[in-house]
Amino acid sequence: MRHKDIVQQAISFANDGIRIDRHKAIEFGFPMIEANRELLVEGAKRDFARSVKEAATKQMRRMATDTDAQSCFDMLRRRYALDDEAKVIKETDFLREMELDRIIAIREKSVADDMQHLSALKEVRASLKPIWRAHPDWTLGECERAFRNVRLAA
């Protein structure tokens, strides 16, 4: 069985229709991962990669606060990820122009994606505001169904 299949089974098992209990999903799915050495190694590598990324990021932040490690461009970080998954992190001092351009492109895409999502959240809030005023105890899903029913009736 593939990793993503086990994940989907675990999510289905732990989904009560309102929320997904992560602990319950893990307790359900991990024995299946443990039983498959290949999946266990794959998961360990993924976890190790995440740990390396987190440790490198922490180290980068610590170094950014060292006064003797500061650049004259002190608004920059000491290191940057050169890809979306932060597989490669490079010292700022050693960046080439093309790498700096790539970092800028990554940041621009991230900001654009965040702004698009923020806009969608605000649009939903504005659309549902009249319903929430009338029913402050309703969930977003209940408001959405009411909103949809009003639109269909019009």
N, C-alpha and C. Protein backbone atom coordinates (compact mmCIF):
# COMPACT_ATOMS: atom_id res chain seq x y z
N MET A 1 0.85 -1.18 0.00
CA MET A 1 0.00 0.00 0.00
C MET A 1 0.89 1.25 0.00
N ARG A 2 0.46 2.27 -0.71
CA ARG A 2 1.24 3.50 -0.81
C ARG A 2 0.99 4.39 0.40
N HIS A 3 1.98 5.22 0.67
CA HIS A 3 1.91 6.16 1.80
C HIS A 3 0.65 7.01 1.73
N LYS A 4 0.39 7.59 0.57
CA LYS A 4 -0.77 8.48 0.46
C LYS A 4 -2.09 7.73 0.65
N ASP A 5 -2.13 6.44 0.30
CA ASP A 5 -3.34 5.64 0.52
C ASP A 5 -3.58 5.43 2.02
N ILE A 6 -2.50 5.17 2.74
CA ILE A 6 -2.61 5.00 4.20
C ILE A 6 -3.06 6.32 4.84
N VAL A 7 -2.50 7.42 4.37
CA VAL A 7 -2.88 8.73 4.90
C VAL A 7 -4.37 8.96 4.66
N GLN A 8 -4.85 8.68 3.46
CA GLN A 8 -6.27 8.88 3.16
C GLN A 8 -7.17 7.99 4.02
N GLN A 9 -6.76 6.75 4.23
CA GLN A 9 -7.54 5.84 5.09
C GLN A 9 -7.58 6.38 6.52
N ALA A 10 -6.44 6.86 7.00
CA ALA A 10 -6.36 7.37 8.37
C ALA A 10 -7.22 8.62 8.53
N ILE A 11 -7.20 9.49 7.52
CA ILE A 11 -8.02 10.70 7.57
C ILE A 11 -9.50 10.34 7.57
N SER A 12 -9.87 9.41 6.71
CA SER A 12 -11.26 8.97 6.66
C SER A 12 -11.71 8.39 8.00
N PHE A 13 -10.83 7.61 8.61
CA PHE A 13 -11.13 6.99 9.90
C PHE A 13 -11.33 8.05 11.00
N ALA A 14 -10.52 9.11 10.94
CA ALA A 14 -10.51 10.11 12.02
C ALA A 14 -11.40 11.31 11.74
N ASN A 15 -12.15 11.28 10.65
CA ASN A 15 -13.00 12.40 10.26
C ASN A 15 -14.42 12.16 10.77
N ASP A 16 -14.88 13.06 11.63
CA ASP A 16 -16.25 12.92 12.16
C ASP A 16 -17.24 13.79 11.40
N GLY A 17 -16.80 14.36 10.28
CA GLY A 17 -17.66 15.21 9.47
C GLY A 17 -17.51 16.68 9.78
N ILE A 18 -16.91 17.00 10.91
CA ILE A 18 -16.69 18.39 11.30
C ILE A 18 -15.20 18.69 11.39
N ARG A 19 -14.49 17.76 11.98
CA ARG A 19 -13.04 17.94 12.13
C ARG A 19 -12.33 16.60 11.99
N ILE A 20 -11.04 16.68 11.78
CA ILE A 20 -10.22 15.48 11.68
C ILE A 20 -9.34 15.44 12.92
N ASP A 21 -9.44 14.36 13.68
CA ASP A 21 -8.63 14.17 14.89
C ASP A 21 -7.28 13.59 14.47
N ARG A 22 -6.27 14.45 14.45
CA ARG A 22 -4.94 14.03 13.99
C ARG A 22 -4.39 12.87 14.80
N HIS A 23 -4.55 12.92 16.12
CA HIS A 23 -4.04 11.85 16.98
C HIS A 23 -4.69 10.51 16.62
N LYS A 24 -6.00 10.53 16.43
CA LYS A 24 -6.73 9.31 16.07
C LYS A 24 -6.25 8.79 14.71
N ALA A 25 -6.02 9.70 13.76
CA ALA A 25 -5.53 9.30 12.44
C ALA A 25 -4.16 8.64 12.55
N ILE A 26 -3.29 9.22 13.36
CA ILE A 26 -1.94 8.68 13.53
C ILE A 26 -1.99 7.30 14.18
N GLU A 27 -2.80 7.18 15.23
CA GLU A 27 -2.92 5.89 15.92
C GLU A 27 -3.47 4.81 14.98
N PHE A 28 -4.34 5.20 14.07
CA PHE A 28 -4.91 4.25 13.11
C PHE A 28 -3.91 3.88 12.01
N GLY A 29 -3.24 4.89 11.44
CA GLY A 29 -2.42 4.67 10.26
C GLY A 29 -0.99 4.23 10.52
N PHE A 30 -0.41 4.64 11.65
CA PHE A 30 1.01 4.36 11.86
C PHE A 30 1.34 2.87 11.90
N PRO A 31 0.51 2.02 12.48
CA PRO A 31 0.84 0.59 12.43
C PRO A 31 1.01 0.05 11.00
N MET A 32 0.24 0.61 10.06
CA MET A 32 0.38 0.18 8.67
C MET A 32 1.72 0.66 8.09
N ILE A 33 2.16 1.85 8.51
CA ILE A 33 3.46 2.36 8.07
C ILE A 33 4.57 1.51 8.68
N GLU A 34 4.44 1.22 9.98
CA GLU A 34 5.45 0.41 10.68
C GLU A 34 5.63 -0.96 10.03
N ALA A 35 4.56 -1.52 9.52
CA ALA A 35 4.60 -2.86 8.93
C ALA A 35 5.31 -2.88 7.57
N ASN A 36 5.57 -1.73 7.00
CA ASN A 36 6.19 -1.65 5.68
C ASN A 36 7.52 -0.91 5.80
N ARG A 37 8.62 -1.65 5.77
CA ARG A 37 9.95 -1.05 5.99
C ARG A 37 10.24 0.09 5.02
N GLU A 38 9.87 -0.08 3.77
CA GLU A 38 10.13 0.95 2.76
C GLU A 38 9.41 2.26 3.12
N LEU A 39 8.16 2.15 3.53
CA LEU A 39 7.40 3.34 3.93
C LEU A 39 7.97 3.94 5.21
N LEU A 40 8.44 3.10 6.11
CA LEU A 40 9.03 3.58 7.36
C LEU A 40 10.29 4.39 7.08
N VAL A 41 11.14 3.89 6.18
CA VAL A 41 12.36 4.61 5.80
C VAL A 41 12.02 5.91 5.09
N GLU A 42 11.06 5.85 4.18
CA GLU A 42 10.62 7.06 3.46
C GLU A 42 10.13 8.12 4.44
N GLY A 43 9.34 7.70 5.41
CA GLY A 43 8.83 8.64 6.42
C GLY A 43 9.93 9.20 7.28
N ALA A 44 10.90 8.35 7.65
CA ALA A 44 12.02 8.83 8.46
C ALA A 44 12.84 9.86 7.68
N LYS A 45 13.05 9.62 6.39
CA LYS A 45 13.77 10.59 5.56
C LYS A 45 13.02 11.91 5.47
N ARG A 46 11.72 11.83 5.28
CA ARG A 46 10.89 13.03 5.19
C ARG A 46 10.95 13.82 6.51
N ASP A 47 10.85 13.10 7.63
CA ASP A 47 10.92 13.74 8.93
C ASP A 47 12.30 14.35 9.17
N PHE A 48 13.35 13.63 8.78
CA PHE A 48 14.71 14.14 8.93
C PHE A 48 14.90 15.40 8.09
N ALA A 49 14.38 15.39 6.86
CA ALA A 49 14.49 16.57 5.99
C ALA A 49 13.79 17.76 6.63
N ARG A 50 12.63 17.54 7.22
CA ARG A 50 11.90 18.61 7.91
C ARG A 50 12.72 19.12 9.10
N SER A 51 13.34 18.20 9.84
CA SER A 51 14.17 18.60 10.99
C SER A 51 15.37 19.43 10.56
N VAL A 52 16.00 19.02 9.45
CA VAL A 52 17.14 19.78 8.93
C VAL A 52 16.70 21.18 8.53
N LYS A 53 15.57 21.26 7.84
CA LYS A 53 15.05 22.57 7.42
C LYS A 53 14.78 23.45 8.64
N GLU A 54 14.12 22.90 9.66
CA GLU A 54 13.80 23.68 10.86
C GLU A 54 15.06 24.13 11.58
N ALA A 55 16.03 23.22 11.70
CA ALA A 55 17.28 23.57 12.39
C ALA A 55 18.06 24.63 11.60
N ALA A 56 18.09 24.49 10.29
CA ALA A 56 18.78 25.47 9.45
C ALA A 56 18.11 26.84 9.55
N THR A 57 16.78 26.84 9.59
CA THR A 57 16.04 28.09 9.71
C THR A 57 16.33 28.75 11.06
N LYS A 58 16.34 27.95 12.14
CA LYS A 58 16.65 28.50 13.46
C LYS A 58 18.06 29.07 13.50
N GLN A 59 18.99 28.32 12.92
CA GLN A 59 20.37 28.79 12.89
C GLN A 59 20.47 30.08 12.09
N MET A 60 19.74 30.14 10.98
CA MET A 60 19.74 31.34 10.14
C MET A 60 19.23 32.53 10.95
N ARG A 61 18.17 32.34 11.71
CA ARG A 61 17.62 33.43 12.52
C ARG A 61 18.58 33.86 13.61
N ARG A 62 19.25 32.88 14.24
CA ARG A 62 20.23 33.22 15.28
C ARG A 62 21.37 34.03 14.68
N MET A 63 21.86 33.59 13.52
CA MET A 63 22.98 34.29 12.89
C MET A 63 22.56 35.69 12.46
N ALA A 64 21.32 35.87 12.10
CA ALA A 64 20.85 37.19 11.67
C ALA A 64 20.86 38.18 12.82
N THR A 65 20.87 37.67 14.06
CA THR A 65 20.90 38.58 15.21
C THR A 65 22.32 38.86 15.67
N ASP A 66 23.30 38.12 15.18
CA ASP A 66 24.70 38.40 15.54
C ASP A 66 25.14 39.70 14.87
N THR A 67 25.58 40.66 15.66
CA THR A 67 25.94 41.95 15.08
C THR A 67 27.14 41.85 14.15
N ASP A 68 28.09 40.97 14.45
CA ASP A 68 29.26 40.87 13.58
C ASP A 68 28.97 40.06 12.32
N ALA A 69 27.79 39.42 12.25
CA ALA A 69 27.43 38.66 11.05
C ALA A 69 26.48 39.47 10.16
N GLN A 70 26.20 40.70 10.54
CA GLN A 70 25.25 41.51 9.78
C GLN A 70 25.86 42.03 8.49
N SER A 71 25.01 42.11 7.50
CA SER A 71 25.35 42.69 6.22
C SER A 71 25.04 44.18 6.29
N CYS A 72 25.57 44.95 5.37
CA CYS A 72 25.16 46.35 5.32
C CYS A 72 23.70 46.44 4.87
N PHE A 73 23.17 45.36 4.30
CA PHE A 73 21.76 45.25 3.98
C PHE A 73 21.10 44.44 5.10
N ASP A 74 21.01 45.05 6.28
CA ASP A 74 20.59 44.29 7.45
C ASP A 74 19.13 43.85 7.43
N MET A 75 18.38 44.24 6.40
CA MET A 75 17.00 43.77 6.28
C MET A 75 16.95 42.38 5.64
N LEU A 76 18.07 41.90 5.14
CA LEU A 76 18.12 40.57 4.52
C LEU A 76 18.41 39.51 5.57
N ARG A 77 18.00 38.31 5.29
CA ARG A 77 18.34 37.16 6.13
C ARG A 77 19.76 36.73 5.81
N ARG A 78 20.34 35.97 6.69
CA ARG A 78 21.70 35.46 6.47
C ARG A 78 21.71 34.33 5.44
N ARG A 79 20.60 33.60 5.34
CA ARG A 79 20.49 32.49 4.39
C ARG A 79 19.10 32.51 3.79
N TYR A 80 19.02 31.95 2.58
CA TYR A 80 17.73 31.85 1.90
C TYR A 80 17.57 30.48 1.27
N ALA A 81 16.30 30.05 1.19
CA ALA A 81 15.96 28.83 0.46
C ALA A 81 15.96 29.17 -1.02
N LEU A 82 16.55 28.29 -1.81
CA LEU A 82 16.63 28.53 -3.26
C LEU A 82 15.52 27.82 -4.02
N ASP A 83 14.63 27.14 -3.29
CA ASP A 83 13.50 26.47 -3.95
C ASP A 83 12.30 26.52 -3.02
N ASP A 84 11.14 26.15 -3.56
CA ASP A 84 9.90 26.23 -2.79
C ASP A 84 9.88 25.32 -1.57
N GLU A 85 10.55 24.19 -1.65
CA GLU A 85 10.53 23.22 -0.55
C GLU A 85 11.68 23.42 0.42
N ALA A 86 12.50 24.44 0.22
CA ALA A 86 13.65 24.73 1.07
C ALA A 86 14.60 23.53 1.14
N LYS A 87 14.80 22.86 0.00
CA LYS A 87 15.74 21.75 -0.04
C LYS A 87 17.17 22.26 -0.03
N VAL A 88 17.39 23.44 -0.61
CA VAL A 88 18.72 24.04 -0.66
C VAL A 88 18.65 25.40 0.00
N ILE A 89 19.47 25.60 1.03
CA ILE A 89 19.54 26.87 1.73
C ILE A 89 20.96 27.39 1.56
N LYS A 90 21.08 28.63 1.14
CA LYS A 90 22.40 29.17 0.81
C LYS A 90 22.66 30.46 1.57
N GLU A 91 23.90 30.64 1.99
CA GLU A 91 24.33 31.87 2.64
C GLU A 91 24.09 33.05 1.70
N THR A 92 23.52 34.11 2.23
CA THR A 92 23.22 35.30 1.43
C THR A 92 24.47 35.87 0.78
N ASP A 93 25.57 35.85 1.50
CA ASP A 93 26.83 36.41 0.97
C ASP A 93 27.29 35.73 -0.32
N PHE A 94 26.85 34.51 -0.54
CA PHE A 94 27.34 33.74 -1.69
C PHE A 94 26.31 33.60 -2.81
N LEU A 95 25.21 34.34 -2.71
CA LEU A 95 24.19 34.27 -3.76
C LEU A 95 24.68 34.90 -5.05
N ARG A 96 24.31 34.29 -6.15
CA ARG A 96 24.52 34.87 -7.48
C ARG A 96 23.26 35.65 -7.85
N GLU A 97 23.37 36.48 -8.85
CA GLU A 97 22.23 37.30 -9.27
C GLU A 97 21.03 36.43 -9.64
N MET A 98 21.28 35.36 -10.38
CA MET A 98 20.20 34.47 -10.81
C MET A 98 19.50 33.85 -9.59
N GLU A 99 20.26 33.51 -8.55
CA GLU A 99 19.68 32.94 -7.33
C GLU A 99 18.84 33.99 -6.59
N LEU A 100 19.33 35.21 -6.52
CA LEU A 100 18.57 36.28 -5.90
C LEU A 100 17.26 36.51 -6.65
N ASP A 101 17.32 36.46 -7.98
CA ASP A 101 16.11 36.60 -8.78
C ASP A 101 15.12 35.47 -8.48
N ARG A 102 15.64 34.25 -8.29
CA ARG A 102 14.78 33.11 -7.97
C ARG A 102 14.13 33.30 -6.60
N ILE A 103 14.88 33.78 -5.63
CA ILE A 103 14.34 34.03 -4.29
C ILE A 103 13.22 35.08 -4.37
N ILE A 104 13.46 36.12 -5.13
CA ILE A 104 12.45 37.17 -5.30
C ILE A 104 11.19 36.58 -5.94
N ALA A 105 11.36 35.75 -6.96
CA ALA A 105 10.21 35.13 -7.63
C ALA A 105 9.42 34.24 -6.66
N ILE A 106 10.13 33.49 -5.83
CA ILE A 106 9.47 32.63 -4.84
C ILE A 106 8.66 33.48 -3.87
N ARG A 107 9.26 34.55 -3.37
CA ARG A 107 8.58 35.44 -2.42
C ARG A 107 7.37 36.12 -3.07
N GLU A 108 7.54 36.57 -4.33
CA GLU A 108 6.42 37.22 -5.03
C GLU A 108 5.25 36.26 -5.21
N LYS A 109 5.55 35.02 -5.57
CA LYS A 109 4.48 34.03 -5.75
C LYS A 109 3.79 33.76 -4.41
N SER A 110 4.58 33.63 -3.36
CA SER A 110 4.02 33.39 -2.04
C SER A 110 3.11 34.53 -1.60
N VAL A 111 3.56 35.76 -1.79
CA VAL A 111 2.75 36.93 -1.42
C VAL A 111 1.49 36.99 -2.28
N ALA A 112 1.61 36.74 -3.58
CA ALA A 112 0.45 36.77 -4.48
C ALA A 112 -0.56 35.70 -4.07
N ASP A 113 -0.07 34.49 -3.77
CA ASP A 113 -0.97 33.41 -3.34
C ASP A 113 -1.66 33.78 -2.03
N ASP A 114 -0.90 34.35 -1.09
CA ASP A 114 -1.48 34.76 0.19
C ASP A 114 -2.52 35.86 -0.01
N MET A 115 -2.23 36.82 -0.87
CA MET A 115 -3.18 37.92 -1.11
C MET A 115 -4.45 37.40 -1.78
N GLN A 116 -4.30 36.46 -2.71
CA GLN A 116 -5.47 35.88 -3.37
C GLN A 116 -6.34 35.15 -2.35
N HIS A 117 -5.71 34.39 -1.47
CA HIS A 117 -6.47 33.65 -0.46
C HIS A 117 -7.11 34.62 0.54
N LEU A 118 -6.38 35.65 0.95
CA LEU A 118 -6.93 36.65 1.86
C LEU A 118 -8.15 37.32 1.23
N SER A 119 -8.05 37.63 -0.05
CA SER A 119 -9.16 38.25 -0.77
C SER A 119 -10.38 37.33 -0.76
N ALA A 120 -10.16 36.05 -0.98
CA ALA A 120 -11.26 35.09 -0.98
C ALA A 120 -11.91 35.01 0.41
N LEU A 121 -11.09 35.00 1.46
CA LEU A 121 -11.62 34.97 2.82
C LEU A 121 -12.47 36.21 3.11
N LYS A 122 -11.98 37.37 2.70
CA LYS A 122 -12.72 38.61 2.93
C LYS A 122 -14.02 38.64 2.14
N GLU A 123 -13.98 38.12 0.92
CA GLU A 123 -15.19 38.07 0.09
C GLU A 123 -16.25 37.18 0.73
N VAL A 124 -15.82 36.03 1.24
CA VAL A 124 -16.75 35.12 1.92
C VAL A 124 -17.32 35.81 3.15
N ARG A 125 -16.45 36.44 3.95
CA ARG A 125 -16.92 37.13 5.15
C ARG A 125 -17.96 38.19 4.79
N ALA A 126 -17.69 39.00 3.78
CA ALA A 126 -18.62 40.05 3.38
C ALA A 126 -19.95 39.47 2.90
N SER A 127 -19.89 38.38 2.15
CA SER A 127 -21.11 37.75 1.64
C SER A 127 -21.96 37.16 2.76
N LEU A 128 -21.30 36.63 3.78
CA LEU A 128 -22.03 35.94 4.86
C LEU A 128 -22.38 36.86 6.03
N LYS A 129 -21.83 38.07 6.05
CA LYS A 129 -22.03 38.98 7.17
C LYS A 129 -23.52 39.18 7.53
N PRO A 130 -24.41 39.45 6.54
CA PRO A 130 -25.83 39.63 6.90
C PRO A 130 -26.44 38.39 7.56
N ILE A 131 -26.03 37.22 7.11
CA ILE A 131 -26.57 35.98 7.68
C ILE A 131 -26.03 35.79 9.09
N TRP A 132 -24.74 36.05 9.29
CA TRP A 132 -24.15 35.91 10.63
C TRP A 132 -24.74 36.93 11.61
N ARG A 133 -25.11 38.11 11.12
CA ARG A 133 -25.75 39.09 12.01
C ARG A 133 -27.07 38.53 12.54
N ALA A 134 -27.79 37.86 11.65
CA ALA A 134 -29.09 37.29 12.04
C ALA A 134 -28.92 36.01 12.86
N HIS A 135 -27.82 35.28 12.61
CA HIS A 135 -27.59 33.99 13.28
C HIS A 135 -26.12 33.88 13.74
N PRO A 136 -25.75 34.61 14.78
CA PRO A 136 -24.33 34.64 15.20
C PRO A 136 -23.78 33.29 15.67
N ASP A 137 -24.65 32.36 15.99
CA ASP A 137 -24.18 31.06 16.47
C ASP A 137 -23.99 30.04 15.34
N TRP A 138 -24.32 30.42 14.11
CA TRP A 138 -24.18 29.50 12.99
C TRP A 138 -22.71 29.34 12.59
N THR A 139 -22.43 28.20 11.99
CA THR A 139 -21.09 27.96 11.44
C THR A 139 -21.02 28.51 10.02
N LEU A 140 -19.82 28.56 9.49
CA LEU A 140 -19.65 29.02 8.12
C LEU A 140 -20.44 28.14 7.16
N GLY A 141 -20.41 26.84 7.38
CA GLY A 141 -21.15 25.92 6.51
C GLY A 141 -22.64 26.17 6.54
N GLU A 142 -23.19 26.43 7.73
CA GLU A 142 -24.62 26.72 7.83
C GLU A 142 -24.96 28.02 7.11
N CYS A 143 -24.10 29.02 7.29
CA CYS A 143 -24.31 30.31 6.60
C CYS A 143 -24.22 30.14 5.09
N GLU A 144 -23.25 29.35 4.66
CA GLU A 144 -23.09 29.14 3.21
C GLU A 144 -24.33 28.48 2.61
N ARG A 145 -24.87 27.48 3.30
CA ARG A 145 -26.07 26.81 2.79
C ARG A 145 -27.25 27.78 2.73
N ALA A 146 -27.39 28.62 3.72
CA ALA A 146 -28.45 29.62 3.72
C ALA A 146 -28.25 30.62 2.58
N PHE A 147 -27.00 31.03 2.38
CA PHE A 147 -26.65 31.97 1.31
C PHE A 147 -26.99 31.35 -0.05
N ARG A 148 -26.62 30.09 -0.23
CA ARG A 148 -26.89 29.38 -1.48
C ARG A 148 -28.39 29.25 -1.70
N ASN A 149 -29.14 28.95 -0.66
CA ASN A 149 -30.59 28.82 -0.79
C ASN A 149 -31.24 30.14 -1.19
N VAL A 150 -30.75 31.23 -0.63
CA VAL A 150 -31.28 32.57 -0.99
C VAL A 150 -30.98 32.85 -2.46
N ARG A 151 -29.78 32.53 -2.90
CA ARG A 151 -29.40 32.77 -4.30
C ARG A 151 -30.22 31.93 -5.25
N LEU A 152 -30.47 30.67 -4.87
CA LEU A 152 -31.26 29.78 -5.73
C LEU A 152 -32.71 30.22 -5.81
N ALA A 153 -33.21 30.79 -4.72
CA ALA A 153 -34.61 31.25 -4.68
C ALA A 153 -34.81 32.53 -5.48
N ALA A 154 -33.74 33.29 -5.68
CA ALA A 154 -33.86 34.58 -6.40
C ALA A 154 -34.00 34.41 -7.89
